């Protein structure tokens, strides 16, 4: 009896954390979409373009960097969400949720580091006249380190999607829809990488980066909202 009570308490906490993390994940991603600024360099830039060596960017701080604060917080919430998914997984599906959590940790580590470097290194270095290496690091370089890290970071996120999809597959209609959205997010990300790489080769600049971010963010918003409903219903049943 005591073991049963402990198990129910564990499920209750897991569902609560799942509910809040899912909802926060969707809201933070939506805020990120609203505050992100249009690019001022590279293929999608409009008006006066910023060119190499991308040093005339002091006026862009902090307006072009605000979204990164939200993204750092989002990555933390995303990991918490993935832990709740792992707890929610049943039986043999634990192996898939654990693999998904592992890719989520890789993704979050890469992206948090990437954003934190932009916030803590680029601007102070420019203010102090320390410009060596800035061109390669800055977010304004369309084929720089920042773009490459975002590409691999969000690809790892897509991989986490495909591995947690089985957790919700063929359960309730709502959860089945969640599973299909995760699968679609992974498929679209892979297709985007293949087609953009074929079309542009090494000159793809940040085109794939924009594509995979939009895909992953849409998945986080849609499934964040759907899963907040799922976890809320589960919490009521306990």
Protein backbone atom coordinates (compact mmCIF):
# COMPACT_ATOMS: atom_id res chain seq x y z
CA UNK A 1 0.00 0.00 0.00
CA UNK A 2 2.82 2.36 0.92
CA UNK A 3 4.60 1.57 -2.35
CA UNK A 4 1.41 2.32 -4.29
CA UNK A 5 1.03 5.67 -2.52
CA UNK A 6 4.65 6.58 -3.27
CA UNK A 7 4.19 5.64 -6.92
CA UNK A 8 1.07 7.79 -7.21
CA UNK A 9 2.88 10.69 -5.56
CA UNK A 10 5.75 10.28 -8.00
CA UNK A 11 3.33 10.33 -10.95
CA UNK A 12 1.57 13.37 -9.52
CA UNK A 13 4.80 15.37 -9.32
CA UNK A 14 5.91 14.18 -12.76
CA UNK A 15 2.60 15.29 -14.30
CA UNK A 16 2.76 18.66 -12.58
CA UNK A 17 6.31 19.27 -13.78
CA UNK A 18 5.29 18.05 -17.24
CA UNK A 19 2.36 20.47 -17.30
CA UNK A 20 4.32 23.54 -16.24
CA UNK A 21 7.39 22.77 -18.34
CA UNK A 22 5.28 22.09 -21.46
CA UNK A 23 3.35 25.32 -21.07
CA UNK A 24 6.45 27.39 -20.32
CA UNK A 25 8.27 25.80 -23.26
CA UNK A 26 5.50 26.85 -25.66
CA UNK A 27 5.24 30.38 -24.22
CA UNK A 28 9.00 31.04 -24.20
CA UNK A 29 9.33 29.81 -27.78
CA UNK A 30 6.48 32.08 -28.83
CA UNK A 31 8.13 35.05 -27.10
CA UNK A 32 11.39 34.18 -28.88
CA UNK A 33 9.60 34.31 -32.23
CA UNK A 34 8.13 37.71 -31.39
CA UNK A 35 11.32 39.41 -30.16
CA UNK A 36 13.85 38.02 -32.65
CA UNK A 37 15.05 40.71 -35.08
CA UNK A 38 15.32 40.41 -38.89
CA UNK A 39 18.90 39.74 -40.06
CA UNK A 40 21.07 42.68 -41.10
CA UNK A 41 23.65 40.55 -42.91
CA UNK A 42 23.63 37.54 -45.22
CA UNK A 43 21.05 36.40 -47.82
CA UNK A 44 17.88 37.47 -45.94
CA UNK A 45 19.07 40.96 -44.98
CA UNK A 46 17.02 43.96 -46.07
CA UNK A 47 18.12 47.56 -46.44
CA UNK A 48 21.70 48.45 -45.50
CA UNK A 49 23.59 45.19 -45.07
CA UNK A 50 26.30 44.66 -42.53
CA UNK A 51 29.42 43.27 -44.20
CA UNK A 52 32.71 41.70 -43.19
CA UNK A 53 34.37 42.09 -40.68
CA UNK A 54 31.03 42.66 -38.87
CA UNK A 55 32.52 45.04 -36.31
CA UNK A 56 30.10 47.95 -36.65
CA UNK A 57 27.51 46.34 -34.37
CA UNK A 58 27.69 48.29 -31.11
CA UNK A 59 24.35 49.95 -31.90
CA UNK A 60 22.71 46.52 -32.22
CA UNK A 61 23.15 45.75 -28.52
CA UNK A 62 20.95 44.87 -26.68
CA UNK A 63 18.02 44.86 -29.14
CA UNK A 64 19.48 42.10 -31.36
CA UNK A 65 20.42 39.99 -28.34
CA UNK A 66 17.27 40.06 -26.19
CA UNK A 67 15.88 36.88 -27.76
CA UNK A 68 18.98 34.96 -26.63
CA UNK A 69 18.07 35.45 -22.96
CA UNK A 70 14.72 33.82 -23.64
CA UNK A 71 16.41 31.01 -25.57
CA UNK A 72 18.81 30.21 -22.72
CA UNK A 73 15.84 29.94 -20.38
CA UNK A 74 13.98 27.91 -23.01
CA UNK A 75 16.80 25.36 -23.24
CA UNK A 76 16.71 24.88 -19.47
CA UNK A 77 12.94 24.37 -19.54
CA UNK A 78 13.33 22.06 -22.54
CA UNK A 79 15.62 19.75 -20.53
CA UNK A 80 13.17 19.76 -17.61
CA UNK A 81 10.40 18.92 -20.07
CA UNK A 82 12.39 16.01 -21.48
CA UNK A 83 12.95 14.62 -17.97
CA UNK A 84 9.17 14.71 -17.43
CA UNK A 85 8.75 12.83 -20.73
CA UNK A 86 11.16 10.17 -19.51
CA UNK A 87 9.15 9.75 -16.31
CA UNK A 88 5.94 9.60 -18.34
CA UNK A 89 7.23 6.84 -20.64
CA UNK A 90 5.88 3.37 -19.94
CA UNK A 91 7.80 0.09 -19.80
CA UNK A 92 9.97 -0.60 -22.82
CA UNK A 93 9.48 2.95 -24.09
CA UNK A 94 11.87 4.18 -21.38
CA UNK A 95 14.81 3.40 -23.65
CA UNK A 96 13.49 5.78 -26.32
CA UNK A 97 12.77 8.57 -23.85
CA UNK A 98 16.25 8.19 -22.32
CA UNK A 99 17.89 8.46 -25.74
CA UNK A 100 15.72 11.51 -26.47
CA UNK A 101 16.76 13.07 -23.16
CA UNK A 102 20.41 12.45 -24.01
CA UNK A 103 20.10 14.29 -27.33
CA UNK A 104 18.20 17.07 -25.55
CA UNK A 105 21.13 17.51 -23.14
CA UNK A 106 23.57 17.69 -26.07
CA UNK A 107 21.34 20.24 -27.83
CA UNK A 108 20.86 22.40 -24.73
CA UNK A 109 24.57 22.37 -23.89
CA UNK A 110 25.55 23.50 -27.39
CA UNK A 111 22.89 26.21 -27.66
CA UNK A 112 23.25 27.64 -24.14
CA UNK A 113 27.01 27.88 -24.64
CA UNK A 114 26.53 29.49 -28.05
CA UNK A 115 24.11 32.13 -26.79
CA UNK A 116 26.09 32.82 -23.61
CA UNK A 117 29.24 33.48 -25.65
CA UNK A 118 27.36 36.05 -27.74
CA UNK A 119 26.06 37.81 -24.63
CA UNK A 120 29.25 37.69 -22.57
CA UNK A 121 32.10 37.88 -25.10
CA UNK A 122 31.18 39.79 -28.26
CA UNK A 123 29.97 43.12 -26.83
CA UNK A 124 32.63 43.55 -24.09
CA UNK A 125 35.36 42.67 -26.60
CA UNK A 126 34.14 45.32 -29.05
CA UNK A 127 33.87 47.97 -26.32
CA UNK A 128 37.48 47.23 -25.33
CA UNK A 129 38.71 47.27 -28.93
CA UNK A 130 39.57 43.57 -28.81
CA UNK A 131 38.40 42.58 -32.29
CA UNK A 132 40.59 39.55 -33.03
CA UNK A 133 38.37 36.58 -33.84
CA UNK A 134 35.10 38.54 -33.47
CA UNK A 135 34.23 38.14 -37.16
CA UNK A 136 34.25 34.36 -36.85
CA UNK A 137 32.27 34.30 -33.59
CA UNK A 138 29.59 36.93 -34.13
CA UNK A 139 26.00 36.03 -34.99
CA UNK A 140 26.16 38.45 -37.94
CA UNK A 141 28.60 36.25 -39.86
CA UNK A 142 26.25 34.13 -42.05
CA UNK A 143 28.76 31.27 -42.18
CA UNK A 144 30.44 31.74 -38.81
CA UNK A 145 30.73 29.61 -35.68
CA UNK A 146 27.48 30.92 -34.20
CA UNK A 147 25.47 29.71 -37.20
CA UNK A 148 27.23 26.32 -37.29
CA UNK A 149 26.56 25.72 -33.59
CA UNK A 150 22.89 26.65 -33.99
CA UNK A 151 22.61 24.23 -36.90
CA UNK A 152 24.03 21.28 -34.99
CA UNK A 153 22.25 22.28 -31.78
CA UNK A 154 18.82 22.33 -33.40
CA UNK A 155 19.58 19.17 -35.36
CA UNK A 156 20.24 17.45 -32.03
CA UNK A 157 16.89 18.79 -30.85
CA UNK A 158 15.23 17.25 -33.91
CA UNK A 159 16.86 13.92 -33.04
CA UNK A 160 15.41 14.16 -29.54
CA UNK A 161 11.97 14.60 -31.14
CA UNK A 162 12.10 11.36 -33.12
CA UNK A 163 13.15 9.34 -30.08
CA UNK A 164 10.44 10.65 -27.76
CA UNK A 165 7.72 10.26 -30.41
CA UNK A 166 7.15 6.54 -29.51
CA UNK A 167 6.31 7.57 -25.93
CA UNK A 168 3.03 9.08 -27.15
CA UNK A 169 2.41 6.95 -30.24
CA UNK A 170 -1.01 5.20 -30.46
CA UNK A 171 -2.20 6.27 -27.03
CA UNK A 172 -5.05 8.82 -26.79
CA UNK A 173 -5.96 10.81 -29.92
CA UNK A 174 -4.28 13.90 -28.47
CA UNK A 175 -1.07 12.08 -27.61
CA UNK A 176 -1.01 10.38 -31.01
CA UNK A 177 -1.18 13.85 -32.59
CA UNK A 178 1.76 14.89 -30.39
CA UNK A 179 3.74 11.89 -31.65
CA UNK A 180 3.02 12.76 -35.28
CA UNK A 181 4.12 16.37 -34.76
CA UNK A 182 7.43 15.19 -33.28
CA UNK A 183 7.96 12.80 -36.21
CA UNK A 184 7.08 15.53 -38.74
CA UNK A 185 9.52 17.94 -37.08
CA UNK A 186 12.37 15.46 -37.44
CA UNK A 187 11.49 14.58 -41.06
CA UNK A 188 11.19 18.22 -42.14
CA UNK A 189 14.51 19.07 -40.48
CA UNK A 190 16.31 16.24 -42.28
CA UNK A 191 14.71 17.12 -45.62
CA UNK A 192 15.62 20.78 -45.11
CA UNK A 193 19.27 19.83 -44.49
CA UNK A 194 19.40 17.59 -47.56
CA UNK A 195 17.64 19.91 -50.01
CA UNK A 196 19.34 23.11 -48.85
CA UNK A 197 22.76 21.42 -48.87
CA UNK A 198 22.14 20.13 -52.40
CA UNK A 199 20.85 23.49 -53.58
CA UNK A 200 23.45 25.75 -51.97
CA UNK A 201 26.33 23.47 -50.97
CA UNK A 202 28.89 25.21 -48.76
CA UNK A 203 27.30 28.55 -49.65
CA UNK A 204 24.06 27.88 -47.78
CA UNK A 205 24.97 30.62 -45.28
CA UNK A 206 22.29 30.65 -42.55
CA UNK A 207 19.46 29.37 -44.77
CA UNK A 208 19.38 25.92 -43.17
CA UNK A 209 19.84 27.41 -39.72
CA UNK A 210 16.69 29.53 -40.20
CA UNK A 211 14.77 26.53 -41.56
CA UNK A 212 15.63 24.14 -38.71
CA UNK A 213 14.97 26.79 -36.06
CA UNK A 214 11.52 27.57 -37.47
CA UNK A 215 10.69 23.84 -37.68
CA UNK A 216 11.89 23.07 -34.14
CA UNK A 217 10.26 26.15 -32.64
CA UNK A 218 6.92 25.29 -34.23
CA UNK A 219 7.16 21.77 -32.79
CA UNK A 220 7.93 23.19 -29.33
CA UNK A 221 4.98 25.58 -29.49
CA UNK A 222 2.43 23.08 -30.84
CA UNK A 223 3.44 20.12 -28.70
CA UNK A 224 4.12 22.28 -25.68
CA UNK A 225 0.49 23.40 -25.74
CA UNK A 226 -0.88 19.94 -26.53
CA UNK A 227 1.15 18.21 -23.85
CA UNK A 228 0.19 20.79 -21.23
CA UNK A 229 -3.38 19.57 -21.82
CA UNK A 230 -2.29 15.91 -21.63
CA UNK A 231 -0.40 16.38 -18.35
CA UNK A 232 -3.18 18.49 -16.88
CA UNK A 233 -5.69 15.70 -17.59
CA UNK A 234 -3.35 13.09 -16.15
CA UNK A 235 -2.85 15.14 -12.98
CA UNK A 236 -6.61 15.33 -12.48
CA UNK A 237 -6.90 11.56 -12.72
CA UNK A 238 -4.49 10.99 -9.81
